[in-house]
């Protein structure tokens, strides 16, 4: 199973927080007005370059596929 649990919480109109709980980590993604950003996790140095960067969903998914494997949370190597 790629994740254990997910949760969406509204923050405002067209604004929510998506939380994905995987076996080893928890991902927090903010979604607002058709854009997505990874929210900082102080224990996560692998994704520091994504902190607070707003991306369109297609770009966010592409970056996610290149950097995060939610199933076991290992960074893909080139």
PDB file of N, CA and C in Angstrom:
ATOM      1  N   UNK A   1       0.848  -1.178   0.000  1.00  0.00           N
ATOM      2  CA  UNK A   1       0.000   0.000   0.000  1.00  0.00           C
ATOM      3  C   UNK A   1       0.894   1.243   0.000  1.00  0.00           C
ATOM      4  N   UNK A   2       0.633   2.188  -0.897  1.00  0.00           N
ATOM      5  CA  UNK A   2       1.512   3.345  -1.006  1.00  0.00           C
ATOM      6  C   UNK A   2       1.435   4.320   0.164  1.00  0.00           C
ATOM      7  N   UNK A   3       0.367   4.332   0.893  1.00  0.00           N
ATOM      8  CA  UNK A   3       0.244   5.223   2.043  1.00  0.00           C
ATOM      9  C   UNK A   3      -0.684   4.576   3.060  1.00  0.00           C
ATOM     10  N   UNK A   4      -0.614   5.044   4.283  1.00  0.00           N
ATOM     11  CA  UNK A   4      -1.451   4.483   5.331  1.00  0.00           C
ATOM     12  C   UNK A   4      -2.733   5.272   5.523  1.00  0.00           C
ATOM     13  N   UNK A   5      -2.651   6.597   5.318  1.00  0.00           N
ATOM     14  CA  UNK A   5      -3.784   7.461   5.639  1.00  0.00           C
ATOM     15  C   UNK A   5      -3.608   8.794   4.935  1.00  0.00           C
ATOM     16  N   UNK A   6      -4.698   9.423   4.563  1.00  0.00           N
ATOM     17  CA  UNK A   6      -4.654  10.792   4.051  1.00  0.00           C
ATOM     18  C   UNK A   6      -5.819  11.569   4.629  1.00  0.00           C
ATOM     19  N   UNK A   7      -5.649  12.891   4.671  1.00  0.00           N
ATOM     20  CA  UNK A   7      -6.657  13.757   5.269  1.00  0.00           C
ATOM     21  C   UNK A   7      -6.624  15.108   4.562  1.00  0.00           C
ATOM     22  N   UNK A   8      -7.792  15.659   4.270  1.00  0.00           N
ATOM     23  CA  UNK A   8      -7.892  17.000   3.695  1.00  0.00           C
ATOM     24  C   UNK A   8      -8.659  17.867   4.676  1.00  0.00           C
ATOM     25  N   UNK A   9      -8.074  19.014   5.015  1.00  0.00           N
ATOM     26  CA  UNK A   9      -8.718  19.954   5.942  1.00  0.00           C
ATOM     27  C   UNK A   9      -8.858  21.314   5.266  1.00  0.00           C
ATOM     28  N   UNK A  10     -10.069  21.865   5.278  1.00  0.00           N
ATOM     29  CA  UNK A  10     -10.256  23.194   4.684  1.00  0.00           C
ATOM     30  C   UNK A  10      -9.584  24.268   5.533  1.00  0.00           C
ATOM     31  N   UNK A  11      -9.001  25.254   4.853  1.00  0.00           N
ATOM     32  CA  UNK A  11      -8.404  26.402   5.531  1.00  0.00           C
ATOM     33  C   UNK A  11      -9.178  27.675   5.223  1.00  0.00           C
ATOM     34  N   UNK A  12      -9.744  27.736   4.011  1.00  0.00           N
ATOM     35  CA  UNK A  12     -10.500  28.896   3.555  1.00  0.00           C
ATOM     36  C   UNK A  12     -11.171  28.491   2.241  1.00  0.00           C
ATOM     37  N   UNK A  13     -11.807  29.435   1.569  1.00  0.00           N
ATOM     38  CA  UNK A  13     -12.401  29.158   0.268  1.00  0.00           C
ATOM     39  C   UNK A  13     -11.272  28.864  -0.723  1.00  0.00           C
ATOM     40  N   UNK A  14     -11.383  27.764  -1.461  1.00  0.00           N
ATOM     41  CA  UNK A  14     -10.350  27.346  -2.422  1.00  0.00           C
ATOM     42  C   UNK A  14      -8.975  27.194  -1.776  1.00  0.00           C
ATOM     43  N   UNK A  15      -8.947  26.734  -0.538  1.00  0.00           N
ATOM     44  CA  UNK A  15      -7.690  26.628   0.203  1.00  0.00           C
ATOM     45  C   UNK A  15      -7.810  25.474   1.195  1.00  0.00           C
ATOM     46  N   UNK A  16      -6.886  24.500   1.115  1.00  0.00           N
ATOM     47  CA  UNK A  16      -6.934  23.368   2.042  1.00  0.00           C
ATOM     48  C   UNK A  16      -5.530  22.833   2.294  1.00  0.00           C
ATOM     49  N   UNK A  17      -5.446  21.941   3.259  1.00  0.00           N
ATOM     50  CA  UNK A  17      -4.191  21.271   3.595  1.00  0.00           C
ATOM     51  C   UNK A  17      -4.412  19.774   3.436  1.00  0.00           C
ATOM     52  N   UNK A  18      -3.580  19.145   2.612  1.00  0.00           N
ATOM     53  CA  UNK A  18      -3.619  17.703   2.394  1.00  0.00           C
ATOM     54  C   UNK A  18      -2.479  17.085   3.185  1.00  0.00           C
ATOM     55  N   UNK A  19      -2.795  16.112   4.008  1.00  0.00           N
ATOM     56  CA  UNK A  19      -1.788  15.403   4.788  1.00  0.00           C
ATOM     57  C   UNK A  19      -1.800  13.947   4.361  1.00  0.00           C
ATOM     58  N   UNK A  20      -0.629  13.434   3.986  1.00  0.00           N
ATOM     59  CA  UNK A  20      -0.489  12.035   3.585  1.00  0.00           C
ATOM     60  C   UNK A  20       0.457  11.374   4.573  1.00  0.00           C
ATOM     61  N   UNK A  21      -0.032  10.357   5.241  1.00  0.00           N
ATOM     62  CA  UNK A  21       0.780   9.617   6.201  1.00  0.00           C
ATOM     63  C   UNK A  21       1.251   8.332   5.541  1.00  0.00           C
ATOM     64  N   UNK A  22       2.563   8.202   5.399  1.00  0.00           N
ATOM     65  CA  UNK A  22       3.169   7.004   4.828  1.00  0.00           C
ATOM     66  C   UNK A  22       3.831   6.218   5.953  1.00  0.00           C
ATOM     67  N   UNK A  23       4.446   5.116   5.605  1.00  0.00           N
ATOM     68  CA  UNK A  23       5.040   4.244   6.614  1.00  0.00           C
ATOM     69  C   UNK A  23       6.117   4.943   7.439  1.00  0.00           C
ATOM     70  N   UNK A  24       6.902   5.805   6.802  1.00  0.00           N
ATOM     71  CA  UNK A  24       8.045   6.397   7.483  1.00  0.00           C
ATOM     72  C   UNK A  24       7.893   7.887   7.731  1.00  0.00           C
ATOM     73  N   UNK A  25       7.034   8.571   6.992  1.00  0.00           N
ATOM     74  CA  UNK A  25       6.956  10.026   7.094  1.00  0.00           C
ATOM     75  C   UNK A  25       5.532  10.529   6.903  1.00  0.00           C
ATOM     76  N   UNK A  26       5.367  11.806   7.131  1.00  0.00           N
ATOM     77  CA  UNK A  26       4.093  12.488   6.900  1.00  0.00           C
ATOM     78  C   UNK A  26       4.370  13.656   5.963  1.00  0.00           C
ATOM     79  N   UNK A  27       3.622  13.737   4.875  1.00  0.00           N
ATOM     80  CA  UNK A  27       3.749  14.841   3.927  1.00  0.00           C
ATOM     81  C   UNK A  27       2.598  15.802   4.135  1.00  0.00           C
ATOM     82  N   UNK A  28       2.902  17.090   4.149  1.00  0.00           N
ATOM     83  CA  UNK A  28       1.883  18.130   4.267  1.00  0.00           C
ATOM     84  C   UNK A  28       1.941  18.970   2.998  1.00  0.00           C
ATOM     85  N   UNK A  29       0.814  19.079   2.314  1.00  0.00           N
ATOM     86  CA  UNK A  29       0.734  19.827   1.069  1.00  0.00           C
ATOM     87  C   UNK A  29      -0.389  20.842   1.197  1.00  0.00           C
ATOM     88  N   UNK A  30      -0.082  22.087   0.902  1.00  0.00           N
ATOM     89  CA  UNK A  30      -1.094  23.142   0.920  1.00  0.00           C
ATOM     90  C   UNK A  30      -1.576  23.355  -0.511  1.00  0.00           C
ATOM     91  N   UNK A  31      -2.883  23.450  -0.683  1.00  0.00           N
ATOM     92  CA  UNK A  31      -3.495  23.646  -1.992  1.00  0.00           C
ATOM     93  C   UNK A  31      -4.330  24.918  -1.920  1.00  0.00           C
ATOM     94  N   UNK A  32      -4.066  25.840  -2.862  1.00  0.00           N
ATOM     95  CA  UNK A  32      -4.772  27.121  -2.840  1.00  0.00           C
ATOM     96  C   UNK A  32      -4.896  27.665  -4.258  1.00  0.00           C
ATOM     97  N   UNK A  33      -6.119  27.992  -4.637  1.00  0.00           N
ATOM     98  CA  UNK A  33      -6.381  28.618  -5.935  1.00  0.00           C
ATOM     99  C   UNK A  33      -5.678  27.909  -7.090  1.00  0.00           C
ATOM    100  N   UNK A  34      -5.741  26.588  -7.111  1.00  0.00           N
ATOM    101  CA  UNK A  34      -5.178  25.826  -8.215  1.00  0.00           C
ATOM    102  C   UNK A  34      -3.675  25.639  -8.176  1.00  0.00           C
ATOM    103  N   UNK A  35      -3.034  25.956  -7.057  1.00  0.00           N
ATOM    104  CA  UNK A  35      -1.590  25.787  -6.906  1.00  0.00           C
ATOM    105  C   UNK A  35      -1.320  24.909  -5.682  1.00  0.00           C
ATOM    106  N   UNK A  36      -0.151  24.268  -5.660  1.00  0.00           N
ATOM    107  CA  UNK A  36       0.226  23.377  -4.561  1.00  0.00           C
ATOM    108  C   UNK A  36       1.612  23.757  -4.047  1.00  0.00           C
ATOM    109  N   UNK A  37       1.824  23.542  -2.756  1.00  0.00           N
ATOM    110  CA  UNK A  37       3.173  23.695  -2.208  1.00  0.00           C
ATOM    111  C   UNK A  37       3.369  22.704  -1.075  1.00  0.00           C
ATOM    112  N   UNK A  38       4.599  22.221  -0.983  1.00  0.00           N
ATOM    113  CA  UNK A  38       5.002  21.322   0.084  1.00  0.00           C
ATOM    114  C   UNK A  38       5.268  22.167   1.316  1.00  0.00           C
ATOM    115  N   UNK A  39       4.700  21.776   2.430  1.00  0.00           N
ATOM    116  CA  UNK A  39       4.918  22.516   3.675  1.00  0.00           C
ATOM    117  C   UNK A  39       6.107  21.931   4.411  1.00  0.00           C
ATOM    118  N   UNK A  40       6.924  22.786   4.947  1.00  0.00           N
ATOM    119  CA  UNK A  40       8.169  22.421   5.609  1.00  0.00           C
ATOM    120  C   UNK A  40       7.955  21.392   6.707  1.00  0.00           C
ATOM    121  N   UNK A  41       8.800  20.393   6.683  1.00  0.00           N
ATOM    122  CA  UNK A  41       8.877  19.413   7.754  1.00  0.00           C
ATOM    123  C   UNK A  41      10.295  19.535   8.293  1.00  0.00           C
ATOM    124  N   UNK A  42      10.450  20.017   9.496  1.00  0.00           N
ATOM    125  CA  UNK A  42      11.780  20.312  10.038  1.00  0.00           C
ATOM    126  C   UNK A  42      12.723  19.119  10.031  1.00  0.00           C
ATOM    127  N   UNK A  43      12.203  17.899   9.983  1.00  0.00           N
ATOM    128  CA  UNK A  43      13.051  16.711   9.974  1.00  0.00           C
ATOM    129  C   UNK A  43      13.390  16.251   8.565  1.00  0.00           C
ATOM    130  N   UNK A  44      12.911  16.950   7.553  1.00  0.00           N
ATOM    131  CA  UNK A  44      13.027  16.496   6.180  1.00  0.00           C
ATOM    132  C   UNK A  44      14.003  17.358   5.389  1.00  0.00           C
ATOM    133  N   UNK A  45      15.261  16.949   5.327  1.00  0.00           N
ATOM    134  CA  UNK A  45      16.248  17.712   4.577  1.00  0.00           C
ATOM    135  C   UNK A  45      16.227  17.363   3.096  1.00  0.00           C
ATOM    136  N   UNK A  46      15.695  16.206   2.731  1.00  0.00           N
ATOM    137  CA  UNK A  46      15.650  15.777   1.332  1.00  0.00           C
ATOM    138  C   UNK A  46      14.795  16.695   0.466  1.00  0.00           C
ATOM    139  N   UNK A  47      13.785  17.322   1.047  1.00  0.00           N
ATOM    140  CA  UNK A  47      12.845  18.123   0.267  1.00  0.00           C
ATOM    141  C   UNK A  47      12.923  19.608   0.585  1.00  0.00           C
ATOM    142  N   UNK A  48      14.012  20.051   1.184  1.00  0.00           N
ATOM    143  CA  UNK A  48      14.134  21.462   1.561  1.00  0.00           C
ATOM    144  C   UNK A  48      13.954  22.394   0.367  1.00  0.00           C
ATOM    145  N   UNK A  49      14.397  21.963  -0.820  1.00  0.00           N
ATOM    146  CA  UNK A  49      14.283  22.809  -2.010  1.00  0.00           C
ATOM    147  C   UNK A  49      12.835  23.012  -2.451  1.00  0.00           C
ATOM    148  N   UNK A  50      11.909  22.223  -1.922  1.00  0.00           N
ATOM    149  CA  UNK A  50      10.494  22.363  -2.273  1.00  0.00           C
ATOM    150  C   UNK A  50       9.702  23.175  -1.258  1.00  0.00           C
ATOM    151  N   UNK A  51      10.302  23.510  -0.139  1.00  0.00           N
ATOM    152  CA  UNK A  51       9.585  24.240   0.908  1.00  0.00           C
ATOM    153  C   UNK A  51       9.050  25.568   0.398  1.00  0.00           C
ATOM    154  N   UNK A  52       7.770  25.778   0.619  1.00  0.00           N
ATOM    155  CA  UNK A  52       7.110  27.051   0.316  1.00  0.00           C
ATOM    156  C   UNK A  52       7.246  27.496  -1.139  1.00  0.00           C
ATOM    157  N   UNK A  53       7.328  26.553  -2.078  1.00  0.00           N
ATOM    158  CA  UNK A  53       7.369  26.864  -3.506  1.00  0.00           C
ATOM    159  C   UNK A  53       6.022  26.473  -4.108  1.00  0.00           C
ATOM    160  N   UNK A  54       5.279  27.465  -4.621  1.00  0.00           N
ATOM    161  CA  UNK A  54       3.980  27.197  -5.227  1.00  0.00           C
ATOM    162  C   UNK A  54       4.180  26.668  -6.639  1.00  0.00           C
ATOM    163  N   UNK A  55       3.524  25.544  -6.947  1.00  0.00           N
ATOM    164  CA  UNK A  55       3.611  24.920  -8.262  1.00  0.00           C
ATOM    165  C   UNK A  55       2.218  24.564  -8.761  1.00  0.00           C
ATOM    166  N   UNK A  56       2.067  24.540 -10.085  1.00  0.00           N
ATOM    167  CA  UNK A  56       0.827  24.033 -10.659  1.00  0.00           C
ATOM    168  C   UNK A  56       0.777  22.536 -10.380  1.00  0.00           C
ATOM    169  N   UNK A  57      -0.422  21.954 -10.246  1.00  0.00           N
ATOM    170  CA  UNK A  57      -0.533  20.541  -9.885  1.00  0.00           C
ATOM    171  C   UNK A  57       0.279  19.594 -10.771  1.00  0.00           C
ATOM    172  N   UNK A  58       0.273  19.784 -12.088  1.00  0.00           N
ATOM    173  CA  UNK A  58       1.037  18.890 -12.973  1.00  0.00           C
ATOM    174  C   UNK A  58       2.530  18.960 -12.674  1.00  0.00           C
ATOM    175  N   UNK A  59       3.042  20.162 -12.447  1.00  0.00           N
ATOM    176  CA  UNK A  59       4.460  20.327 -12.118  1.00  0.00           C
ATOM    177  C   UNK A  59       4.760  19.739 -10.741  1.00  0.00           C
ATOM    178  N   UNK A  60       3.860  19.947  -9.787  1.00  0.00           N
ATOM    179  CA  UNK A  60       4.036  19.404  -8.441  1.00  0.00           C
ATOM    180  C   UNK A  60       4.116  17.877  -8.493  1.00  0.00           C
ATOM    181  N   UNK A  61       3.229  17.258  -9.278  1.00  0.00           N
ATOM    182  CA  UNK A  61       3.232  15.795  -9.417  1.00  0.00           C
ATOM    183  C   UNK A  61       4.525  15.331 -10.072  1.00  0.00           C
ATOM    184  N   UNK A  62       4.983  16.053 -11.091  1.00  0.00           N
ATOM    185  CA  UNK A  62       6.235  15.691 -11.756  1.00  0.00           C
ATOM    186  C   UNK A  62       7.408  15.767 -10.779  1.00  0.00           C
ATOM    187  N   UNK A  63       7.481  16.833 -10.011  1.00  0.00           N
ATOM    188  CA  UNK A  63       8.545  16.986  -9.015  1.00  0.00           C
ATOM    189  C   UNK A  63       8.430  15.892  -7.962  1.00  0.00           C
ATOM    190  N   UNK A  64       7.210  15.621  -7.527  1.00  0.00           N
ATOM    191  CA  UNK A  64       6.975  14.577  -6.530  1.00  0.00           C
ATOM    192  C   UNK A  64       7.471  13.231  -7.035  1.00  0.00           C
ATOM    193  N   UNK A  65       7.184  12.922  -8.289  1.00  0.00           N
ATOM    194  CA  UNK A  65       7.617  11.635  -8.851  1.00  0.00           C
ATOM    195  C   UNK A  65       9.135  11.522  -8.924  1.00  0.00           C
ATOM    196  N   UNK A  66       9.798  12.647  -9.074  1.00  0.00           N
ATOM    197  CA  UNK A  66      11.253  12.637  -9.165  1.00  0.00           C
ATOM    198  C   UNK A  66      11.944  12.700  -7.809  1.00  0.00           C
ATOM    199  N   UNK A  67      11.221  13.038  -6.756  1.00  0.00           N
ATOM    200  CA  UNK A  67      11.852  13.243  -5.450  1.00  0.00           C
ATOM    201  C   UNK A  67      11.284  12.405  -4.314  1.00  0.00           C
ATOM    202  N   UNK A  68      10.041  11.987  -4.425  1.00  0.00           N
ATOM    203  CA  UNK A  68       9.401  11.310  -3.302  1.00  0.00           C
ATOM    204  C   UNK A  68       8.791   9.994  -3.758  1.00  0.00           C
ATOM    205  N   UNK A  69       9.101   8.941  -3.061  1.00  0.00           N
ATOM    206  CA  UNK A  69       8.419   7.674  -3.249  1.00  0.00           C
ATOM    207  C   UNK A  69       7.644   7.451  -1.957  1.00  0.00           C
ATOM    208  N   UNK A  70       6.363   7.743  -1.973  1.00  0.00           N
ATOM    209  CA  UNK A  70       5.566   7.705  -0.746  1.00  0.00           C
ATOM    210  C   UNK A  70       5.536   6.304  -0.149  1.00  0.00           C
ATOM    211  N   UNK A  71       5.629   5.288  -0.988  1.00  0.00           N
ATOM    212  CA  UNK A  71       5.541   3.923  -0.491  1.00  0.00           C
ATOM    213  C   UNK A  71       6.636   3.620   0.532  1.00  0.00           C
ATOM    214  N   UNK A  72       7.873   3.969   0.214  1.00  0.00           N
ATOM    215  CA  UNK A  72       8.942   3.717   1.183  1.00  0.00           C
ATOM    216  C   UNK A  72       9.802   4.948   1.437  1.00  0.00           C
ATOM    217  N   UNK A  73       9.419   6.073   0.846  1.00  0.00           N
ATOM    218  CA  UNK A  73      10.056   7.367   1.066  1.00  0.00           C
ATOM    219  C   UNK A  73      11.555   7.341   0.841  1.00  0.00           C
ATOM    220  N   UNK A  74      11.956   6.791  -0.293  1.00  0.00           N
ATOM    221  CA  UNK A  74      13.352   6.849  -0.683  1.00  0.00           C
ATOM    222  C   UNK A  74      13.469   7.752  -1.892  1.00  0.00           C
ATOM    223  N   UNK A  75      14.467   8.577  -1.903  1.00  0.00           N
ATOM    224  CA  UNK A  75      14.680   9.480  -3.027  1.00  0.00           C
ATOM    225  C   UNK A  75      15.206   8.679  -4.209  1.00  0.00           C
ATOM    226  N   UNK A  76      14.654   8.932  -5.383  1.00  0.00           N
ATOM    227  CA  UNK A  76      15.130   8.252  -6.580  1.00  0.00           C
ATOM    228  C   UNK A  76      16.506   8.789  -6.942  1.00  0.00           C
ATOM    229  N   UNK A  77      17.377   7.910  -7.342  1.00  0.00           N
ATOM    230  CA  UNK A  77      18.713   8.306  -7.746  1.00  0.00           C
ATOM    231  C   UNK A  77      18.758   8.415  -9.261  1.00  0.00           C
ATOM    232  N   UNK A  78      19.580   9.339  -9.794  1.00  0.00           N
ATOM    233  CA  UNK A  78      19.668   9.500 -11.258  1.00  0.00           C
ATOM    234  C   UNK A  78      20.236   8.276 -11.927  1.00  0.00           C
TER     235      UNK A  78
END
